Protein backbone atom coordinates (compact mmCIF):
# COMPACT_ATOMS: atom_id res chain seq x y z
CA MET A 1 50.12 84.77 -13.96
CA ARG A 2 52.59 81.92 -14.42
CA MET A 3 49.83 79.34 -14.19
CA LYS A 4 47.78 81.20 -16.80
CA ASN A 5 50.75 81.40 -19.15
CA PHE A 6 51.45 77.70 -18.58
CA LYS A 7 47.87 76.80 -19.48
CA ASN A 8 48.06 78.96 -22.60
CA LEU A 9 51.28 77.21 -23.58
CA ARG A 10 49.67 73.78 -23.13
CA LEU A 11 46.69 74.90 -25.20
CA ALA A 12 48.98 76.19 -27.94
CA LEU A 13 50.98 72.97 -27.92
CA GLY A 14 47.80 70.91 -28.13
CA MET A 15 46.47 72.90 -31.09
CA LEU A 16 49.84 72.65 -32.78
CA GLY A 17 49.78 68.89 -32.29
CA ILE A 18 46.36 68.56 -33.88
CA PHE A 19 47.36 70.85 -36.77
CA SER A 20 50.55 68.86 -37.31
CA ALA A 21 48.59 65.60 -37.28
CA LEU A 22 46.27 66.92 -39.94
CA LEU A 23 49.18 67.99 -42.10
CA VAL A 24 50.87 64.62 -41.77
CA ALA A 25 47.62 62.70 -42.32
CA GLY A 26 46.72 64.72 -45.39
CA PRO A 27 43.38 66.02 -46.62
CA ALA A 28 42.00 62.55 -47.40
CA ALA A 29 42.09 61.60 -43.72
CA SER A 30 40.71 64.84 -42.32
CA ALA A 31 37.89 65.46 -44.78
CA LYS A 32 36.46 62.64 -46.90
CA ASP A 33 35.10 63.22 -50.37
CA ASP A 34 31.69 61.67 -49.67
CA ASP A 35 28.98 62.75 -47.28
CA THR A 36 29.25 59.87 -44.81
CA ILE A 37 31.44 58.96 -41.86
CA LYS A 38 31.98 55.20 -41.69
CA VAL A 39 31.72 53.43 -38.35
CA GLY A 40 33.11 49.87 -38.16
CA VAL A 41 31.30 47.25 -36.09
CA LEU A 42 33.51 44.27 -35.19
CA HIS A 43 31.45 41.79 -33.20
CA SER A 44 30.86 38.03 -33.47
CA LEU A 45 27.40 37.34 -34.94
CA SER A 46 28.03 33.61 -35.08
CA GLY A 47 29.96 31.04 -33.03
CA THR A 48 30.26 30.62 -29.28
CA MET A 49 30.44 34.40 -28.53
CA ALA A 50 27.35 35.39 -30.55
CA ILE A 51 25.21 34.98 -27.40
CA SER A 52 27.02 38.01 -25.95
CA GLU A 53 28.21 40.05 -28.95
CA THR A 54 25.09 40.25 -31.15
CA SER A 55 23.45 42.80 -28.84
CA LEU A 56 26.60 44.92 -28.97
CA LYS A 57 26.30 45.10 -32.75
CA ASP A 58 22.65 46.03 -32.38
CA VAL A 59 23.27 48.79 -29.88
CA VAL A 60 25.87 50.45 -32.11
CA LEU A 61 23.36 50.42 -34.95
CA MET A 62 20.81 52.02 -32.61
CA LEU A 63 23.28 54.74 -31.63
CA ILE A 64 24.10 55.44 -35.28
CA GLU A 65 20.41 55.71 -36.15
CA GLU A 66 19.84 58.10 -33.25
CA GLN A 67 22.83 60.27 -34.16
CA ASN A 68 21.74 60.44 -37.80
CA ALA A 69 18.28 61.59 -36.66
CA LYS A 70 20.04 64.47 -34.90
CA GLY A 71 21.77 65.44 -38.16
CA GLY A 72 24.81 63.19 -38.03
CA VAL A 73 28.26 64.37 -37.09
CA LEU A 74 29.99 67.38 -38.66
CA GLY A 75 27.04 67.61 -41.04
CA LYS A 76 27.60 64.09 -42.35
CA LYS A 77 25.56 60.94 -41.90
CA LEU A 78 27.08 57.99 -40.09
CA GLU A 79 27.27 54.74 -42.04
CA ALA A 80 27.69 51.39 -40.22
CA VAL A 81 30.05 48.82 -41.76
CA VAL A 82 29.25 45.51 -40.04
CA VAL A 83 31.49 42.45 -40.28
CA ASP A 84 31.27 39.04 -38.60
CA PRO A 85 34.56 37.64 -37.23
CA ALA A 86 32.53 34.59 -36.15
CA SER A 87 34.20 33.97 -32.76
CA ASN A 88 37.38 33.18 -34.73
CA TRP A 89 40.33 35.04 -33.20
CA PRO A 90 42.63 35.21 -36.31
CA LEU A 91 39.58 36.28 -38.36
CA PHE A 92 39.16 39.26 -36.03
CA ALA A 93 42.51 40.58 -37.22
CA GLU A 94 41.57 40.05 -40.86
CA LYS A 95 38.23 41.79 -40.42
CA ALA A 96 39.87 44.66 -38.54
CA ARG A 97 42.29 45.18 -41.43
CA GLU A 98 39.38 44.99 -43.87
CA LEU A 99 37.48 47.68 -41.97
CA ILE A 100 40.41 50.10 -41.84
CA ALA A 101 42.30 49.46 -45.09
CA VAL A 102 39.42 48.52 -47.42
CA HIS A 103 36.29 50.20 -46.00
CA ASP A 104 38.25 53.21 -44.70
CA VAL A 105 36.26 53.44 -41.46
CA ASP A 106 36.96 56.33 -39.09
CA VAL A 107 36.41 54.37 -35.90
CA VAL A 108 35.64 50.79 -34.83
CA PHE A 109 33.49 49.57 -31.99
CA GLY A 110 34.20 45.94 -31.29
CA CYS A 111 35.62 42.78 -29.70
CA TRP A 112 34.54 40.98 -26.51
CA THR A 113 37.18 38.43 -25.54
CA SER A 114 40.69 39.55 -24.76
CA VAL A 115 42.09 37.10 -27.27
CA SER A 116 40.11 38.85 -29.98
CA ARG A 117 41.36 42.25 -28.75
CA LYS A 118 44.94 40.98 -28.63
CA SER A 119 44.47 39.70 -32.16
CA VAL A 120 43.40 43.04 -33.63
CA LEU A 121 45.68 45.28 -31.55
CA PRO A 122 48.72 45.11 -33.91
CA VAL A 123 46.45 45.95 -36.85
CA PHE A 124 45.04 49.09 -35.18
CA GLU A 125 48.54 50.22 -34.17
CA GLU A 126 50.04 49.51 -37.60
CA LEU A 127 47.26 51.30 -39.50
CA ASN A 128 46.62 53.96 -36.81
CA GLY A 129 42.98 52.92 -36.42
CA LEU A 130 40.78 53.72 -33.43
CA LEU A 131 39.12 50.94 -31.42
CA PHE A 132 36.53 51.30 -28.65
CA TYR A 133 36.58 48.11 -26.55
CA PRO A 134 33.48 47.76 -24.33
CA VAL A 135 34.07 44.75 -22.09
CA GLN A 136 35.62 44.14 -18.69
CA TYR A 137 39.10 42.73 -19.12
CA GLU A 138 42.28 41.70 -17.29
CA GLY A 139 44.22 44.93 -17.62
CA GLU A 140 47.97 44.74 -18.21
CA GLU A 141 47.58 46.79 -21.38
CA SER A 142 47.19 50.34 -22.58
CA SER A 143 47.38 51.26 -26.24
CA TYR A 144 47.63 54.53 -28.13
CA ASN A 145 44.94 53.24 -30.48
CA VAL A 146 42.39 51.80 -28.02
CA PHE A 147 39.89 53.33 -25.64
CA TYR A 148 38.86 50.82 -23.00
CA THR A 149 35.30 51.48 -21.91
CA GLY A 150 34.83 48.28 -19.89
CA ALA A 151 36.18 47.61 -16.39
CA ALA A 152 39.76 47.05 -15.38
CA PRO A 153 40.35 44.47 -12.55
CA ASN A 154 40.24 47.16 -9.84
CA GLN A 155 36.80 48.15 -11.13
CA GLN A 156 35.33 44.65 -11.02
CA ALA A 157 37.39 41.58 -9.93
CA ILE A 158 39.10 42.97 -6.83
CA PRO A 159 35.98 44.68 -5.38
CA ALA A 160 33.95 41.50 -6.02
CA VAL A 161 36.41 39.38 -4.07
CA GLU A 162 36.56 41.97 -1.30
CA TYR A 163 32.75 41.82 -1.05
CA LEU A 164 32.71 38.02 -0.81
CA MET A 165 35.37 38.19 1.93
CA SER A 166 33.20 40.59 3.94
CA GLU A 167 30.57 39.56 6.45
CA ASP A 168 27.83 40.81 4.12
CA GLY A 169 29.23 38.72 1.29
CA GLY A 170 29.46 35.50 3.30
CA GLY A 171 33.02 35.71 4.63
CA ALA A 172 34.56 33.30 2.12
CA LYS A 173 37.74 31.51 3.18
CA LYS A 174 38.20 29.22 0.19
CA TRP A 175 38.20 30.30 -3.44
CA VAL A 176 37.43 28.56 -6.72
CA LEU A 177 38.82 30.41 -9.76
CA LEU A 178 36.89 28.93 -12.69
CA GLY A 179 37.30 30.26 -16.22
CA THR A 180 37.50 29.71 -19.93
CA ASP A 181 40.99 28.89 -21.08
CA TYR A 182 42.32 32.09 -22.58
CA VAL A 183 44.13 35.28 -21.62
CA TYR A 184 41.37 37.16 -19.73
CA PRO A 185 40.54 34.49 -17.16
CA ARG A 186 44.15 33.41 -16.69
CA THR A 187 45.47 36.95 -16.20
CA THR A 188 42.57 37.98 -14.02
CA ASN A 189 43.11 34.93 -11.84
CA LYS A 190 46.84 35.63 -11.68
CA ILE A 191 45.97 39.07 -10.26
CA LEU A 192 43.42 37.52 -7.87
CA ARG A 193 45.96 34.94 -6.62
CA TYR A 194 48.41 37.70 -5.72
CA PHE A 195 45.59 39.64 -4.07
CA LEU A 196 44.34 36.63 -2.10
CA GLU A 197 47.83 35.86 -0.92
CA GLU A 198 48.15 39.45 0.28
CA GLN A 199 45.00 38.84 2.32
CA GLY A 200 46.53 35.72 3.94
CA VAL A 201 44.74 33.08 1.87
CA LYS A 202 46.79 29.87 1.61
CA ASP A 203 47.54 28.33 -1.77
CA SER A 204 45.80 25.14 -0.65
CA ASP A 205 42.59 27.17 -0.22
CA ILE A 206 42.54 28.19 -3.89
CA MET A 207 41.22 25.86 -6.60
CA GLU A 208 41.88 26.97 -10.19
CA GLU A 209 40.28 25.30 -13.19
CA TYR A 210 39.89 26.15 -16.93
CA THR A 211 37.71 24.80 -19.72
CA PRO A 212 37.87 25.45 -23.52
CA PHE A 213 35.46 27.73 -25.37
CA GLY A 214 32.14 25.99 -25.95
CA HIS A 215 32.68 23.51 -23.12
CA SER A 216 29.43 21.88 -22.00
CA ASP A 217 30.16 19.10 -19.51
CA TYR A 218 30.61 20.53 -15.99
CA GLN A 219 29.53 17.48 -13.99
CA THR A 220 33.00 16.55 -12.74
CA ILE A 221 34.11 20.14 -12.13
CA VAL A 222 31.01 20.97 -10.06
CA ALA A 223 31.41 17.75 -8.07
CA ASN A 224 35.01 18.74 -7.36
CA ILE A 225 33.89 22.20 -6.24
CA LYS A 226 31.48 20.61 -3.74
CA LYS A 227 34.26 18.39 -2.39
CA PHE A 228 36.74 21.29 -2.20
CA ALA A 229 34.26 23.52 -0.36
CA ALA A 230 33.48 21.03 2.41
CA GLY A 231 33.89 22.46 5.88
CA SER A 232 34.70 26.08 5.04
CA PRO A 233 32.86 29.08 3.47
CA THR A 234 33.70 28.99 -0.23
CA ALA A 235 33.06 31.29 -3.18
CA VAL A 236 33.38 30.69 -6.90
CA VAL A 237 34.82 33.44 -9.11
CA SER A 238 33.64 32.68 -12.63
CA THR A 239 35.36 34.02 -15.73
CA ILE A 240 33.55 31.52 -17.95
CA ASN A 241 32.70 33.26 -21.26
CA GLY A 242 30.11 32.74 -23.93
CA ASP A 243 27.54 29.97 -24.18
CA SER A 244 29.38 27.67 -21.74
CA ASN A 245 27.70 29.61 -18.95
CA VAL A 246 24.41 27.86 -19.70
CA PRO A 247 25.57 24.25 -18.93
CA PHE A 248 27.67 25.47 -15.97
CA TYR A 249 24.73 27.04 -14.14
CA LYS A 250 22.50 24.13 -15.11
CA GLU A 251 24.97 21.73 -13.50
CA LEU A 252 25.12 23.83 -10.34
CA ALA A 253 21.34 23.45 -10.03
CA ALA A 254 21.45 19.75 -10.89
CA GLN A 255 23.86 19.11 -8.04
CA GLY A 256 21.86 21.18 -5.63
CA ILE A 257 24.35 24.03 -5.18
CA LYS A 258 22.56 27.17 -4.09
CA ALA A 259 23.90 30.68 -3.61
CA GLU A 260 23.63 30.42 0.18
CA ASP A 261 25.86 27.30 0.04
CA ILE A 262 28.53 28.30 -2.48
CA PRO A 263 27.96 31.73 -4.03
CA VAL A 264 29.17 32.27 -7.58
CA VAL A 265 30.23 35.74 -8.71
CA ALA A 266 30.43 36.06 -12.51
CA PHE A 267 32.31 38.66 -14.52
CA SER A 268 30.83 37.76 -17.91
CA VAL A 269 27.23 36.92 -17.12
CA GLY A 270 24.67 39.69 -17.39
CA GLU A 271 21.09 40.22 -18.43
CA GLU A 272 21.65 39.05 -22.01
CA GLU A 273 23.24 35.74 -20.99
CA LEU A 274 20.46 35.06 -18.46
CA ARG A 275 17.84 35.36 -21.22
CA GLY A 276 18.90 31.91 -22.39
CA MET A 277 18.71 30.29 -18.96
CA ASP A 278 16.12 29.25 -16.41
CA ALA A 279 17.02 31.89 -13.83
CA GLU A 280 15.08 30.37 -10.90
CA PRO A 281 17.85 27.97 -9.78
CA LEU A 282 20.39 30.83 -10.03
CA VAL A 283 18.63 33.19 -7.66
CA GLY A 284 21.12 34.75 -5.23
CA HIS A 285 24.24 34.11 -7.27
CA LEU A 286 26.14 37.29 -8.11
CA ALA A 287 27.58 39.29 -10.95
CA ALA A 288 29.98 42.23 -10.71
CA TRP A 289 29.70 44.94 -13.35
CA ASN A 290 29.56 48.71 -13.68
CA TYR A 291 25.92 48.80 -14.79
CA PHE A 292 22.72 46.78 -14.47
CA GLN A 293 19.42 47.30 -16.27
CA SER A 294 17.69 47.41 -12.87
CA ILE A 295 19.40 50.69 -11.91
CA GLU A 296 16.73 53.36 -11.54
CA ASN A 297 17.39 56.84 -12.90
CA PRO A 298 16.02 58.93 -15.80
CA THR A 299 19.02 58.35 -18.07
CA ASN A 300 18.77 54.57 -17.74
CA ALA A 301 14.98 54.65 -18.17
CA ALA A 302 15.44 56.53 -21.45
CA PHE A 303 18.15 54.08 -22.60
CA ILE A 304 15.96 51.04 -21.90
CA LYS A 305 12.94 52.62 -23.63
CA GLN A 306 15.05 53.51 -26.68
CA TRP A 307 16.49 50.01 -26.84
CA LYS A 308 13.11 48.25 -26.72
CA LYS A 309 11.72 50.61 -29.32
CA PHE A 310 14.68 50.06 -31.64
CA THR A 311 14.51 46.27 -31.36
CA GLY A 312 10.72 46.16 -31.41
CA ASP A 313 10.95 43.54 -28.66
CA GLU A 314 9.87 44.22 -25.05
CA ASP A 315 11.83 41.16 -23.92
CA ARG A 316 15.20 42.46 -25.10
CA VAL A 317 17.42 43.56 -22.22
CA THR A 318 20.28 46.01 -21.70
CA ASN A 319 23.57 45.10 -20.06
CA ASP A 320 26.96 46.45 -19.01
CA PRO A 321 28.93 46.13 -22.30
CA MET A 322 26.05 47.78 -24.13
CA GLU A 323 26.21 50.73 -21.72
CA ALA A 324 29.96 50.87 -22.30
CA HIS A 325 29.33 51.22 -26.04
CA VAL A 326 26.83 54.01 -25.32
CA ILE A 327 29.47 55.84 -23.29
CA GLY A 328 32.22 55.28 -25.82
CA PHE A 329 30.05 56.26 -28.78
CA ASP A 330 28.82 59.48 -27.11
CA MET A 331 32.38 60.41 -26.17
CA TRP A 332 33.61 59.75 -29.70
CA VAL A 333 30.89 62.00 -31.17
CA GLN A 334 31.81 64.74 -28.70
CA ALA A 335 35.51 64.36 -29.49
CA VAL A 336 34.91 64.50 -33.27
CA GLU A 337 32.79 67.60 -32.94
CA GLN A 338 35.34 69.19 -30.64
CA ALA A 339 38.19 68.39 -33.03
CA GLY A 340 36.16 69.38 -36.09
CA THR A 341 37.48 66.30 -37.92
CA THR A 342 37.42 62.51 -37.86
CA ASN A 343 41.24 62.42 -38.13
CA VAL A 344 42.35 59.74 -35.67
CA ASP A 345 45.20 61.74 -34.17
CA ALA A 346 42.98 64.78 -33.55
CA VAL A 347 40.11 62.72 -32.17
CA ARG A 348 42.46 60.80 -29.88
CA GLN A 349 43.74 64.09 -28.49
CA ALA A 350 40.20 65.35 -27.93
CA MET A 351 39.03 62.15 -26.22
CA GLY A 352 40.99 62.79 -23.02
CA GLY A 353 38.75 64.25 -20.33
CA GLN A 354 35.49 63.71 -22.22
CA THR A 355 32.56 63.21 -19.83
CA VAL A 356 29.03 61.88 -20.30
CA GLU A 357 26.03 61.23 -18.09
CA SER A 358 25.73 57.45 -18.20
CA PRO A 359 22.80 55.08 -17.69
CA SER A 360 24.60 53.87 -14.55
CA GLY A 361 23.61 57.22 -13.01
CA TYR A 362 27.15 58.58 -12.81
CA LYS A 363 29.08 61.17 -14.76
CA ILE A 364 31.75 59.10 -16.48
CA THR A 365 35.15 60.52 -17.51
CA MET A 366 37.71 59.25 -20.01
CA ASP A 367 41.18 59.24 -18.48
CA ALA A 368 43.53 61.06 -20.86
CA LYS A 369 46.55 59.15 -19.59
CA ASN A 370 45.57 55.49 -19.72
CA HIS A 371 42.59 55.58 -22.16
CA HIS A 372 40.32 53.92 -19.58
CA LEU A 373 37.11 55.17 -17.99
CA HIS A 374 36.55 56.20 -14.38
CA LYS A 375 33.63 53.88 -13.49
CA PRO A 376 31.54 52.78 -10.51
CA VAL A 377 31.51 49.18 -9.30
CA VAL A 378 28.13 47.46 -8.80
CA ILE A 379 27.44 43.97 -7.48
CA GLY A 380 24.02 42.41 -8.09
CA GLU A 381 22.16 39.25 -7.10
CA ILE A 382 20.33 37.31 -9.78
CA THR A 383 16.56 37.45 -9.45
CA GLU A 384 13.89 35.09 -10.77
CA ASP A 385 13.10 37.34 -13.73
CA GLY A 386 16.72 37.33 -14.95
CA GLN A 387 17.49 40.78 -13.57
CA PHE A 388 19.70 41.82 -10.65
CA ASP A 389 19.07 43.25 -7.21
CA ILE A 390 21.93 45.57 -6.32
CA VAL A 391 23.55 44.51 -3.05
CA TRP A 392 26.64 46.72 -3.08
CA GLN A 393 28.14 49.61 -5.04
CA THR A 394 30.84 52.24 -4.75
CA ASP A 395 30.01 55.78 -3.76
CA GLY A 396 31.21 57.06 -7.15
CA PRO A 397 33.41 56.27 -10.14
CA ILE A 398 36.93 54.99 -9.47
CA ARG A 399 39.95 55.40 -11.75
CA ALA A 400 40.99 52.30 -13.67
CA GLU A 401 44.39 50.78 -13.04
CA ALA A 402 45.64 49.64 -16.43
CA TRP A 403 48.54 47.86 -14.71
CA SER A 404 47.80 45.89 -11.58
CA PRO A 405 49.62 46.95 -8.40
CA HIS A 406 49.16 43.38 -7.15
CA ILE A 407 51.48 41.85 -9.76
CA PRO A 408 55.13 42.61 -8.86
CA ASP A 409 56.24 42.95 -12.49
CA SER A 410 53.41 45.43 -13.17
CA ALA A 411 53.58 47.55 -10.02
CA SER A 412 56.07 50.00 -11.51
CA LYS A 413 54.27 50.51 -14.81
CA ILE A 414 52.00 53.42 -15.72
CA ALA A 415 50.24 54.35 -18.90
CA ASP A 416 50.45 57.94 -20.10
CA TRP A 417 49.20 58.87 -23.55
CA THR A 418 48.67 62.58 -22.87
CA TYR A 419 50.03 64.95 -25.49
CA PRO A 420 52.86 65.42 -26.23
CA TRP A 421 53.80 61.73 -26.30
CA VAL A 422 57.24 61.02 -27.76
CA CYS A 423 57.33 57.42 -28.92
CA GLY A 424 59.84 56.03 -31.36
CA ASN A 425 57.88 52.80 -31.71
CA CYS A 426 54.40 52.96 -30.19
CA THR A 427 53.78 49.30 -30.98
CA GLU A 428 56.36 48.39 -28.34
CA ALA A 429 56.00 51.39 -25.97
CA LYS A 430 52.88 50.40 -24.07
CA PHE A 431 53.93 51.81 -20.73
CA GLN A 432 56.40 53.96 -18.82
CA THR A 433 58.22 52.97 -15.66
CA LEU A 434 57.82 55.20 -12.64
CA PRO A 435 61.07 57.05 -11.86
CA GLY A 436 62.94 55.45 -9.00
CA VAL A 437 60.67 52.37 -8.90
CA SER A 438 61.92 49.03 -10.08
CA ALA A 439 59.84 45.93 -10.68
CA GLN A 440 60.40 43.29 -8.03
């Protein structure tokens, strides 16, 4: 009886919270005067990141078209508002403000790099916008205004390194941490360094190197990798982003480095990036994601068919961040219909616990506390046709760790955005500290 009363009390509090949010937001936010619901699309369509982000824009447009064919949401048609931040990080913030303050969008799907996400985050928190971020990232963040539908480090980076350490993965003893010079690679590699040290790897057995966005000359770096790897099993963990992946993999082939010699596991190379490369010299190198096009199940088959029909191009491929947008979009639609409004506060409350059947073949859940998804981890080998053979995967989805337990300063932090959340300044209050636990 007590449990039933407690549940009823929580339900009443939740409904009161949504009602209060609607009162505070006012009628303009909860019910617009026109017959459309505006969906912002914030992806680079030019510049170094266009190779990766253009397909994300396209998949959102496909999802909007599909939803409108079903009758829209709440009886209204969805209208896409597409902007091009052009791989320019300050411009991301300007375009985010434009979407929310000028175009009055109800939700935004966007960003790829962490520097672009960091750029827009203050805007979404200031204006109480809602961002769905679809790409794997470094963690160390959880925002009231963001739903993270890509992988956290414990859903990609850590499992990939564990695989390469294993007998099946080659038993690597030395590690090359190679990335583009910005927050995602540097923070991910900081986590990996702590993790490798925990596994007994000496600092002298870790090589760490960064290159700027758009870098194209990897001759010296690849030569140094060959020299560093001499005499011991070595693996490369690549957090290179954007079009720099093309010259990097070309240089590996030019210097005769094959996967059986020095395997490379990439966190930002998928089917879309491989479309612009000669995949034959890359056969056997790895990527760690939560989804690959080559996964066989009815949901994925339908997704691939829909994508090729929408684009009118049989050569277009699907990839992990696209699947993340599918998951996020479907969850947002469910949350809006559950809340009966596009009001951000109400939708945010309804998002916690949403589940969808994903193309990965798993039922995916949105964590109400940290705004991250519970996702599977899948490692694939590059094949000659630019696809991936799956060599390892988890038994089921695992819960994202927004704050890494491997970084001493982060080990005591948790994210908890479940209602009711009392926050005097949510721009600053990104985490709570576990009672009785102090950061080392």
